[in-house]
């Protein structure tokens, strides 16, 4: 494994200059002062329209890959999964059996196992839709390969675990646009009726200009895998990937990116620096923290407070709130209509999602996990291109900036992240060439600051 961030050195940032310039805002027009209420990353249709056959391959057949494959099949007519790829045959066979029960049979010759399995799947000419759901560390090179193979892509979040990977996704996203491909990523809130309705209210000036935000993913412990007899270090890590920083990016990147993406979307641009802290108190496996608190600063004086925790028995919240010059907004992953609302300065509710329902929005929309695939299939069939990978790469890099600050105890800037050569873990090429699942160096848990001595 390459440098763990516990040994992070600010001089690591000095290196080849990355692509510069402000990353595009989440929608045309930029921040809240633009009063631009158009939002074109989602159709909000219940089903994708019929049209050309959509033929998919799934790369990464674990829990999220299996879920995404089923969401895809539910999204519209004339779609099918024809190929599967995974490092482990048991996971591939499990998804293969699940799909067969749904009436979607995958031929044996289109099932590929190993670290190079994704390349074999991408070589299949008939595939025009790829689902990327491997551990996040592997997504940048796989996304690059999928774009080069001219495939439309659904890619799970986060899209990277380190700055080099995030910038690679930004570059591949631009290439996808040039090639006329469509790309949707797994930040469901950009495809969720409640969030889109609230976004349009804020952009219309309902609470004035946004001045600050608070975003939270405070919840319980996630799943983990106990090591089994015969598993090497590497096999255990990949099966337990959500607990290892080099594979998941830590939970501020892997999970809290949802909330940070909402902040980036609503605020209209990314922050320029981060100062934060975190610790490891309850986690039973891996090398990650189980709590973070980050202050993100903007070049115009605004701030976002970001908090995330994965510890059982604590106060929980998965939500975002925004303060404006004229009021307050709250959004929540809970789809209850009264959990997404606006208040004025006197703390009176002036809008809830129920008002959007009165104007034609559904009271109980389809799952945003399905909506993402509806929107991607619609984009392919209608020629109305959607490419949101750069948005998610920006949100991912925000999370990486916060993580780096917490791991080191230092202020970290966006410019440093955009120039950093920091990478985590072995490359796909390294793993493809390995004859055994082995690791070179055991990861250690980062400790911020210096000893009293």
Protein backbone atom coordinates (compact mmCIF):
# COMPACT_ATOMS: atom_id res chain seq x y z
CA UNK A 1 0.00 0.00 0.00
CA UNK A 2 1.19 3.52 -0.74
CA UNK A 3 1.40 6.33 1.80
CA UNK A 4 -1.33 6.26 4.41
CA UNK A 5 -2.53 9.74 5.21
CA UNK A 6 -1.34 9.37 8.79
CA UNK A 7 2.06 10.14 7.31
CA UNK A 8 0.65 12.95 5.21
CA UNK A 9 3.12 15.68 4.32
CA UNK A 10 2.01 19.01 2.84
CA UNK A 11 4.96 18.82 0.45
CA UNK A 12 3.16 15.88 -1.19
CA UNK A 13 0.96 18.48 -2.78
CA UNK A 14 3.82 19.87 -4.82
CA UNK A 15 3.90 18.15 -8.17
CA UNK A 16 2.62 18.25 -11.66
CA UNK A 17 -0.03 20.94 -11.98
CA UNK A 18 -3.51 19.50 -12.32
CA UNK A 19 -6.25 20.93 -14.46
CA UNK A 20 -7.00 24.38 -13.08
CA UNK A 21 -9.95 26.74 -13.06
CA UNK A 22 -13.18 26.66 -11.13
CA UNK A 23 -15.15 23.46 -11.42
CA UNK A 24 -18.50 24.07 -13.10
CA UNK A 25 -21.41 24.72 -10.77
CA UNK A 26 -24.08 22.10 -10.40
CA UNK A 27 -26.38 23.82 -12.88
CA UNK A 28 -25.97 26.52 -15.48
CA UNK A 29 -26.02 29.96 -13.91
CA UNK A 30 -24.06 29.11 -10.75
CA UNK A 31 -24.95 30.32 -7.28
CA UNK A 32 -28.11 31.49 -5.61
CA UNK A 33 -27.87 35.03 -6.92
CA UNK A 34 -28.43 33.75 -10.47
CA UNK A 35 -32.14 33.01 -9.76
CA UNK A 36 -31.94 30.23 -12.35
CA UNK A 37 -34.63 27.68 -11.58
CA UNK A 38 -33.88 25.34 -14.49
CA UNK A 39 -32.57 21.96 -13.43
CA UNK A 40 -31.85 19.41 -16.11
CA UNK A 41 -30.20 16.41 -14.46
CA UNK A 42 -33.48 14.64 -13.80
CA UNK A 43 -36.71 14.02 -15.70
CA UNK A 44 -38.79 13.10 -12.61
CA UNK A 45 -40.54 10.57 -14.88
CA UNK A 46 -41.90 7.40 -13.27
CA UNK A 47 -40.62 5.26 -16.16
CA UNK A 48 -38.09 5.73 -18.93
CA UNK A 49 -39.64 5.96 -22.39
CA UNK A 50 -39.38 2.98 -24.72
CA UNK A 51 -36.79 3.09 -27.48
CA UNK A 52 -33.51 1.50 -28.48
CA UNK A 53 -32.60 -1.59 -26.51
CA UNK A 54 -30.43 -0.82 -23.50
CA UNK A 55 -27.95 -3.64 -22.96
CA UNK A 56 -26.08 -3.46 -19.66
CA UNK A 57 -23.05 -4.98 -18.01
CA UNK A 58 -22.47 -4.87 -14.25
CA UNK A 59 -18.95 -4.37 -12.88
CA UNK A 60 -18.98 -5.10 -9.16
CA UNK A 61 -21.64 -7.62 -8.12
CA UNK A 62 -21.81 -6.97 -4.36
CA UNK A 63 -24.68 -5.36 -2.49
CA UNK A 64 -24.76 -2.06 -4.36
CA UNK A 65 -24.07 -3.64 -7.74
CA UNK A 66 -26.91 -6.10 -7.19
CA UNK A 67 -29.19 -3.28 -6.09
CA UNK A 68 -28.29 -1.09 -9.05
CA UNK A 69 -28.87 -3.94 -11.50
CA UNK A 70 -32.39 -4.47 -10.13
CA UNK A 71 -33.07 -0.71 -10.13
CA UNK A 72 -31.99 -0.63 -13.78
CA UNK A 73 -34.38 -3.43 -14.75
CA UNK A 74 -37.21 -1.62 -12.97
CA UNK A 75 -36.54 1.72 -14.68
CA UNK A 76 -38.19 1.11 -18.04
CA UNK A 77 -39.00 -1.25 -20.92
CA UNK A 78 -36.65 -2.99 -23.33
CA UNK A 79 -33.66 -3.25 -20.97
CA UNK A 80 -31.55 -6.23 -19.97
CA UNK A 81 -28.31 -7.22 -18.24
CA UNK A 82 -26.08 -9.42 -20.40
CA UNK A 83 -22.71 -9.48 -18.61
CA UNK A 84 -21.24 -9.54 -15.09
CA UNK A 85 -17.74 -8.90 -13.74
CA UNK A 86 -16.34 -9.23 -10.23
CA UNK A 87 -13.15 -10.15 -8.41
CA UNK A 88 -14.90 -12.98 -6.57
CA UNK A 89 -16.92 -15.74 -8.28
CA UNK A 90 -19.30 -16.22 -5.34
CA UNK A 91 -20.54 -12.62 -5.58
CA UNK A 92 -20.91 -12.86 -9.34
CA UNK A 93 -22.85 -16.13 -9.10
CA UNK A 94 -25.12 -14.70 -6.42
CA UNK A 95 -26.17 -11.79 -8.65
CA UNK A 96 -26.45 -14.09 -11.63
CA UNK A 97 -28.94 -16.24 -9.70
CA UNK A 98 -30.91 -13.21 -8.49
CA UNK A 99 -31.22 -11.87 -12.03
CA UNK A 100 -32.35 -15.28 -13.32
CA UNK A 101 -35.18 -15.24 -10.78
CA UNK A 102 -36.25 -11.93 -12.31
CA UNK A 103 -36.30 -13.43 -15.80
CA UNK A 104 -32.92 -11.99 -16.87
CA UNK A 105 -30.47 -14.78 -17.76
CA UNK A 106 -26.78 -13.98 -18.15
CA UNK A 107 -24.79 -16.41 -20.32
CA UNK A 108 -21.80 -18.15 -18.72
CA UNK A 109 -19.47 -16.84 -21.40
CA UNK A 110 -20.35 -13.28 -20.35
CA UNK A 111 -19.34 -13.80 -16.72
CA UNK A 112 -15.83 -12.59 -15.93
CA UNK A 113 -13.80 -12.98 -12.72
CA UNK A 114 -10.58 -11.26 -11.63
CA UNK A 115 -9.05 -7.81 -11.43
CA UNK A 116 -9.07 -7.59 -15.23
CA UNK A 117 -12.68 -8.81 -15.52
CA UNK A 118 -13.95 -5.28 -16.20
CA UNK A 119 -11.78 -5.04 -19.32
CA UNK A 120 -13.26 -8.24 -20.73
CA UNK A 121 -16.78 -6.97 -20.08
CA UNK A 122 -16.05 -3.63 -21.74
CA UNK A 123 -14.83 -5.48 -24.84
CA UNK A 124 -18.38 -6.72 -25.49
CA UNK A 125 -19.59 -4.59 -28.41
CA UNK A 126 -23.31 -5.03 -27.74
CA UNK A 127 -23.13 -3.38 -24.31
CA UNK A 128 -24.19 0.28 -24.34
CA UNK A 129 -24.77 0.78 -20.59
CA UNK A 130 -22.29 -0.03 -17.82
CA UNK A 131 -22.99 -0.13 -14.09
CA UNK A 132 -19.84 0.57 -12.04
CA UNK A 133 -20.33 -0.54 -8.44
CA UNK A 134 -16.94 -1.77 -7.27
CA UNK A 135 -15.24 -0.37 -4.15
CA UNK A 136 -14.60 3.35 -4.86
CA UNK A 137 -10.81 3.01 -5.17
CA UNK A 138 -11.27 1.20 -8.48
CA UNK A 139 -13.78 3.59 -10.06
CA UNK A 140 -11.48 6.19 -11.68
CA UNK A 141 -9.59 3.71 -13.93
CA UNK A 142 -12.75 1.73 -14.66
CA UNK A 143 -14.68 4.88 -15.55
CA UNK A 144 -11.83 5.99 -17.80
CA UNK A 145 -11.86 2.59 -19.53
CA UNK A 146 -15.65 2.65 -19.92
CA UNK A 147 -15.56 6.10 -21.52
CA UNK A 148 -12.75 5.03 -23.86
CA UNK A 149 -14.91 2.03 -24.82
CA UNK A 150 -17.73 4.53 -25.59
CA UNK A 151 -20.19 3.17 -23.05
CA UNK A 152 -22.87 5.14 -21.23
CA UNK A 153 -22.22 4.80 -17.51
CA UNK A 154 -24.08 4.58 -14.24
CA UNK A 155 -21.39 4.96 -11.57
CA UNK A 156 -21.93 4.69 -7.85
CA UNK A 157 -20.71 7.34 -5.45
CA UNK A 158 -18.15 8.29 -4.31
CA UNK A 159 -16.21 8.33 -7.54
CA UNK A 160 -12.72 8.26 -5.99
CA UNK A 161 -10.82 7.98 -2.70
CA UNK A 162 -7.92 10.36 -3.36
CA UNK A 163 -7.18 13.60 -5.25
CA UNK A 164 -5.52 11.84 -8.19
CA UNK A 165 -8.59 9.67 -8.67
CA UNK A 166 -11.00 12.59 -8.38
CA UNK A 167 -9.13 14.56 -11.03
CA UNK A 168 -9.05 11.50 -13.28
CA UNK A 169 -12.85 11.31 -13.07
CA UNK A 170 -13.13 15.03 -13.88
CA UNK A 171 -11.03 14.48 -17.01
CA UNK A 172 -12.99 11.36 -18.04
CA UNK A 173 -16.25 13.24 -17.51
CA UNK A 174 -15.14 15.90 -19.98
CA UNK A 175 -14.21 13.16 -22.46
CA UNK A 176 -17.64 11.56 -22.04
CA UNK A 177 -19.26 14.89 -22.94
CA UNK A 178 -17.12 15.17 -26.06
CA UNK A 179 -18.10 11.65 -27.14
CA UNK A 180 -21.82 12.26 -26.63
CA UNK A 181 -22.09 9.72 -23.81
CA UNK A 182 -24.37 10.09 -20.80
CA UNK A 183 -23.25 9.49 -17.21
CA UNK A 184 -25.28 9.40 -14.00
CA UNK A 185 -23.71 8.89 -10.58
CA UNK A 186 -25.13 7.57 -7.34
CA UNK A 187 -25.92 10.81 -5.50
CA UNK A 188 -29.64 10.11 -5.56
CA UNK A 189 -30.71 13.46 -4.12
CA UNK A 190 -30.12 15.24 -7.44
CA UNK A 191 -32.79 12.89 -8.85
CA UNK A 192 -35.19 13.10 -5.91
CA UNK A 193 -38.46 15.03 -6.13
CA UNK A 194 -38.19 16.56 -2.66
CA UNK A 195 -34.69 17.91 -3.22
CA UNK A 196 -35.36 19.21 -6.73
CA UNK A 197 -38.49 21.01 -5.53
CA UNK A 198 -36.64 22.62 -2.61
CA UNK A 199 -33.72 23.57 -4.85
CA UNK A 200 -36.03 25.40 -7.23
CA UNK A 201 -37.65 27.27 -4.35
CA UNK A 202 -34.26 28.42 -3.06
CA UNK A 203 -33.03 29.37 -6.52
CA UNK A 204 -36.18 31.44 -6.99
CA UNK A 205 -35.19 33.52 -3.96
CA UNK A 206 -37.70 32.15 -1.43
CA UNK A 207 -35.23 32.60 1.46
CA UNK A 208 -32.91 35.14 -0.18
CA UNK A 209 -29.24 34.45 -0.80
CA UNK A 210 -27.72 31.48 1.03
CA UNK A 211 -25.18 32.45 3.68
CA UNK A 212 -24.36 29.14 5.42
CA UNK A 213 -25.19 25.45 5.60
CA UNK A 214 -25.13 22.55 8.06
CA UNK A 215 -24.99 19.02 6.65
CA UNK A 216 -25.20 15.78 8.61
CA UNK A 217 -24.94 12.05 8.26
CA UNK A 218 -25.00 10.88 11.85
CA UNK A 219 -26.08 7.25 12.07
CA UNK A 220 -25.19 3.85 13.42
CA UNK A 221 -22.39 1.46 12.67
CA UNK A 222 -22.27 0.07 9.14
CA UNK A 223 -21.78 -3.57 8.21
CA UNK A 224 -18.44 -5.34 8.49
CA UNK A 225 -17.01 -8.72 7.56
CA UNK A 226 -15.17 -10.97 10.00
CA UNK A 227 -12.07 -12.49 8.50
CA UNK A 228 -12.56 -16.09 7.36
CA UNK A 229 -10.04 -18.91 7.35
CA UNK A 230 -8.03 -18.89 4.13
CA UNK A 231 -8.60 -15.20 3.35
CA UNK A 232 -5.46 -13.18 2.67
CA UNK A 233 -5.14 -9.60 3.91
CA UNK A 234 -6.25 -8.27 0.54
CA UNK A 235 -9.25 -10.56 0.11
CA UNK A 236 -10.48 -9.68 3.59
CA UNK A 237 -10.03 -5.95 2.91
CA UNK A 238 -11.97 -6.08 -0.36
CA UNK A 239 -14.81 -8.09 1.19
CA UNK A 240 -14.77 -5.66 4.16
CA UNK A 241 -14.09 -2.67 1.90
CA UNK A 242 -16.40 -0.14 3.55
CA UNK A 243 -14.09 -0.10 6.61
CA UNK A 244 -10.75 0.55 4.86
CA UNK A 245 -9.70 4.03 3.76
CA UNK A 246 -7.81 2.95 0.64
CA UNK A 247 -10.91 1.18 -0.66
CA UNK A 248 -13.76 3.42 0.53
CA UNK A 249 -12.12 6.76 1.28
CA UNK A 250 -13.45 6.62 4.88
CA UNK A 251 -17.13 7.24 5.61
CA UNK A 252 -16.87 11.01 5.17
CA UNK A 253 -16.13 10.21 1.53
CA UNK A 254 -18.10 7.00 1.03
CA UNK A 255 -21.35 8.00 2.76
CA UNK A 256 -21.32 11.67 3.81
CA UNK A 257 -20.57 12.67 0.20
CA UNK A 258 -24.35 12.59 -0.28
CA UNK A 259 -24.82 15.55 2.05
CA UNK A 260 -21.75 17.39 0.83
CA UNK A 261 -23.04 17.02 -2.72
CA UNK A 262 -26.31 18.68 -1.71
CA UNK A 263 -24.32 21.55 -0.16
CA UNK A 264 -22.23 21.96 -3.31
CA UNK A 265 -25.35 21.84 -5.48
CA UNK A 266 -27.40 24.31 -3.44
CA UNK A 267 -24.56 26.71 -2.56
CA UNK A 268 -23.55 26.87 -6.23
CA UNK A 269 -19.81 26.29 -5.89
CA UNK A 270 -17.22 24.35 -3.91
CA UNK A 271 -15.46 25.65 -0.77
CA UNK A 272 -11.81 26.72 -0.87
CA UNK A 273 -10.53 25.27 2.41
CA UNK A 274 -11.34 22.94 5.29
CA UNK A 275 -10.37 22.63 8.94
CA UNK A 276 -11.66 19.66 10.89
CA UNK A 277 -11.15 16.83 13.30
CA UNK A 278 -12.30 13.29 13.89
CA UNK A 279 -11.46 10.15 15.82
CA UNK A 280 -11.86 6.39 16.08
CA UNK A 281 -13.79 5.29 19.15
CA UNK A 282 -15.99 2.28 18.39
CA UNK A 283 -15.02 0.83 15.02
CA UNK A 284 -14.25 -2.89 15.23
CA UNK A 285 -12.42 -3.42 11.96
CA UNK A 286 -10.51 -1.46 9.31
CA UNK A 287 -8.38 1.66 9.71
CA UNK A 288 -10.98 4.44 9.51
CA UNK A 289 -12.37 7.06 11.87
CA UNK A 290 -15.96 6.74 13.05
CA UNK A 291 -16.65 10.47 13.42
CA UNK A 292 -15.74 13.74 11.67
CA UNK A 293 -16.54 17.42 12.17
CA UNK A 294 -15.41 19.79 9.41
CA UNK A 295 -15.66 23.54 8.83
CA UNK A 296 -15.62 24.27 5.09
CA UNK A 297 -14.86 27.88 4.10
CA UNK A 298 -15.77 29.73 0.89
CA UNK A 299 -13.90 32.52 -0.85
CA UNK A 300 -16.90 34.80 -0.24
CA UNK A 301 -16.94 34.30 3.54
CA UNK A 302 -19.66 31.65 3.71
CA UNK A 303 -19.23 28.43 5.70
CA UNK A 304 -20.56 24.87 5.75
CA UNK A 305 -20.45 22.86 8.95
CA UNK A 306 -20.23 19.16 8.11
CA UNK A 307 -20.74 16.40 10.69
CA UNK A 308 -20.81 12.63 10.23
CA UNK A 309 -20.71 9.73 12.65
CA UNK A 310 -21.12 5.94 12.51
CA UNK A 311 -21.64 4.95 16.16
CA UNK A 312 -24.60 3.10 17.64
CA UNK A 313 -26.68 4.63 20.43
CA UNK A 314 -26.15 8.30 19.52
CA UNK A 315 -28.37 11.12 18.28
CA UNK A 316 -28.94 10.62 14.55
CA UNK A 317 -29.70 12.92 11.64
CA UNK A 318 -29.30 12.56 7.88
CA UNK A 319 -30.22 16.02 6.65
CA UNK A 320 -29.10 19.38 5.31
CA UNK A 321 -30.10 22.86 6.40
CA UNK A 322 -29.42 26.22 4.75
CA UNK A 323 -29.64 29.73 6.19
CA UNK A 324 -30.55 32.55 3.83
CA UNK A 325 -30.87 36.29 4.15
CA UNK A 326 -34.66 35.93 4.37
CA UNK A 327 -35.16 32.54 6.02
CA UNK A 328 -34.17 28.92 6.50
CA UNK A 329 -34.43 25.68 4.50
CA UNK A 330 -34.23 22.04 5.52
CA UNK A 331 -33.93 18.94 3.37
CA UNK A 332 -33.92 15.34 4.49
CA UNK A 333 -33.42 11.89 3.01
CA UNK A 334 -36.71 11.07 4.74
CA UNK A 335 -39.36 11.39 2.03
CA UNK A 336 -42.10 12.49 4.44
CA UNK A 337 -43.56 15.63 2.79
CA UNK A 338 -43.25 17.80 5.91
CA UNK A 339 -39.54 16.98 6.38
CA UNK A 340 -38.55 19.23 3.45
CA UNK A 341 -39.56 22.81 4.18
CA UNK A 342 -38.80 26.54 4.18
CA UNK A 343 -39.23 28.97 7.08
CA UNK A 344 -39.11 32.75 7.19
CA UNK A 345 -37.14 34.85 9.69
CA UNK A 346 -39.96 34.60 12.24
CA UNK A 347 -39.68 30.78 12.16
CA UNK A 348 -43.00 30.37 10.36
CA UNK A 349 -43.25 27.62 7.76
CA UNK A 350 -43.75 29.21 4.34
CA UNK A 351 -43.44 26.10 2.12
CA UNK A 352 -43.28 22.32 2.40
CA UNK A 353 -43.12 19.59 -0.21
CA UNK A 354 -46.90 19.31 0.21
CA UNK A 355 -47.12 22.62 -1.68
CA UNK A 356 -45.22 21.01 -4.53
CA UNK A 357 -47.69 18.10 -4.40
CA UNK A 358 -50.54 20.57 -4.83
CA UNK A 359 -48.80 21.83 -7.97
CA UNK A 360 -48.47 18.37 -9.50
CA UNK A 361 -45.53 16.62 -7.81
CA UNK A 362 -46.31 13.09 -6.57
CA UNK A 363 -46.87 12.69 -2.84
CA UNK A 364 -45.01 9.37 -2.89
CA UNK A 365 -42.42 9.50 -5.71
CA UNK A 366 -40.61 6.46 -7.05
CA UNK A 367 -37.37 5.46 -5.36
CA UNK A 368 -34.50 7.82 -6.22
CA UNK A 369 -32.39 4.68 -6.76
CA UNK A 370 -34.69 3.83 -9.66
CA UNK A 371 -35.07 7.47 -10.74
CA UNK A 372 -31.35 7.67 -11.52
CA UNK A 373 -31.68 4.89 -14.08
CA UNK A 374 -34.90 6.32 -15.49
CA UNK A 375 -33.02 9.55 -16.15
CA UNK A 376 -29.99 7.87 -17.69
CA UNK A 377 -32.07 5.66 -19.98
CA UNK A 378 -34.15 8.70 -20.98
CA UNK A 379 -30.96 10.62 -21.83
CA UNK A 380 -29.68 7.80 -24.04
CA UNK A 381 -32.96 7.26 -25.85
CA UNK A 382 -33.82 10.93 -26.42
CA UNK A 383 -30.32 12.26 -27.11
CA UNK A 384 -30.62 14.78 -24.26
CA UNK A 385 -27.18 14.22 -22.79
CA UNK A 386 -26.72 14.06 -19.01
CA UNK A 387 -23.17 13.98 -17.62
CA UNK A 388 -22.90 14.49 -13.87
CA UNK A 389 -19.61 12.76 -13.04
CA UNK A 390 -17.72 16.03 -12.68
CA UNK A 391 -20.25 17.27 -10.13
CA UNK A 392 -19.76 14.14 -8.05
CA UNK A 393 -15.98 14.27 -8.45
CA UNK A 394 -16.10 17.81 -7.04
CA UNK A 395 -18.23 16.71 -4.08
CA UNK A 396 -15.91 13.74 -3.56
CA UNK A 397 -12.89 16.03 -3.54
CA UNK A 398 -14.66 18.23 -0.95
CA UNK A 399 -14.97 15.14 1.26
CA UNK A 400 -11.33 14.17 0.65
CA UNK A 401 -10.27 17.72 1.62
CA UNK A 402 -12.22 17.41 4.89
CA UNK A 403 -10.83 13.94 5.59
CA UNK A 404 -7.28 15.10 4.98
CA UNK A 405 -7.71 17.97 7.42
CA UNK A 406 -9.11 15.65 10.10
CA UNK A 407 -6.39 13.06 9.59
CA UNK A 408 -3.61 15.65 9.82
CA UNK A 409 -5.05 18.40 12.01
CA UNK A 410 -4.06 20.94 9.35
CA UNK A 411 -6.00 23.41 7.27
CA UNK A 412 -6.22 22.02 3.75
CA UNK A 413 -7.06 24.08 0.66
CA UNK A 414 -8.83 23.26 -2.58
CA UNK A 415 -5.78 24.40 -4.54
CA UNK A 416 -3.66 21.88 -2.64
CA UNK A 417 -6.14 19.12 -3.41
CA UNK A 418 -6.16 20.03 -7.09
CA UNK A 419 -2.37 19.73 -7.17
CA UNK A 420 -1.88 16.81 -4.78
CA UNK A 421 -0.20 13.60 -5.94
CA UNK A 422 -1.65 11.68 -2.98
CA UNK A 423 -2.91 8.19 -3.85
CA UNK A 424 -4.19 5.42 -1.59
CA UNK A 425 -3.59 1.73 -2.09
CA UNK A 426 -2.26 -0.41 -4.93
CA UNK A 427 -3.34 0.31 -8.50
CA UNK A 428 -5.54 -1.96 -10.56
CA UNK A 429 -2.51 -2.81 -12.68
CA UNK A 430 -0.63 -3.88 -9.56
CA UNK A 431 -3.50 -6.11 -8.50
CA UNK A 432 -4.02 -7.56 -11.98
CA UNK A 433 -0.39 -8.68 -12.09
CA UNK A 434 -0.42 -10.16 -8.59
CA UNK A 435 -0.47 -13.93 -8.43
CA UNK A 436 -1.81 -13.92 -4.88
CA UNK A 437 -3.98 -11.58 -2.82
CA UNK A 438 -1.19 -10.00 -0.80
CA UNK A 439 -0.55 -6.56 0.66
CA UNK A 440 2.85 -4.91 0.93
CA UNK A 441 2.21 -2.79 4.02
CA UNK A 442 -0.37 -2.94 6.79
CA UNK A 443 -2.45 0.25 7.09
CA UNK A 444 -2.42 2.25 10.32
CA UNK A 445 -5.04 4.55 11.83
CA UNK A 446 -4.12 8.25 11.34
CA UNK A 447 -3.36 10.40 14.40
CA UNK A 448 -3.61 14.19 13.98
CA UNK A 449 -1.12 16.67 15.42
CA UNK A 450 2.07 15.91 17.34
CA UNK A 451 2.93 14.39 20.71
CA UNK A 452 3.38 16.69 23.73
CA UNK A 453 7.03 15.66 23.72
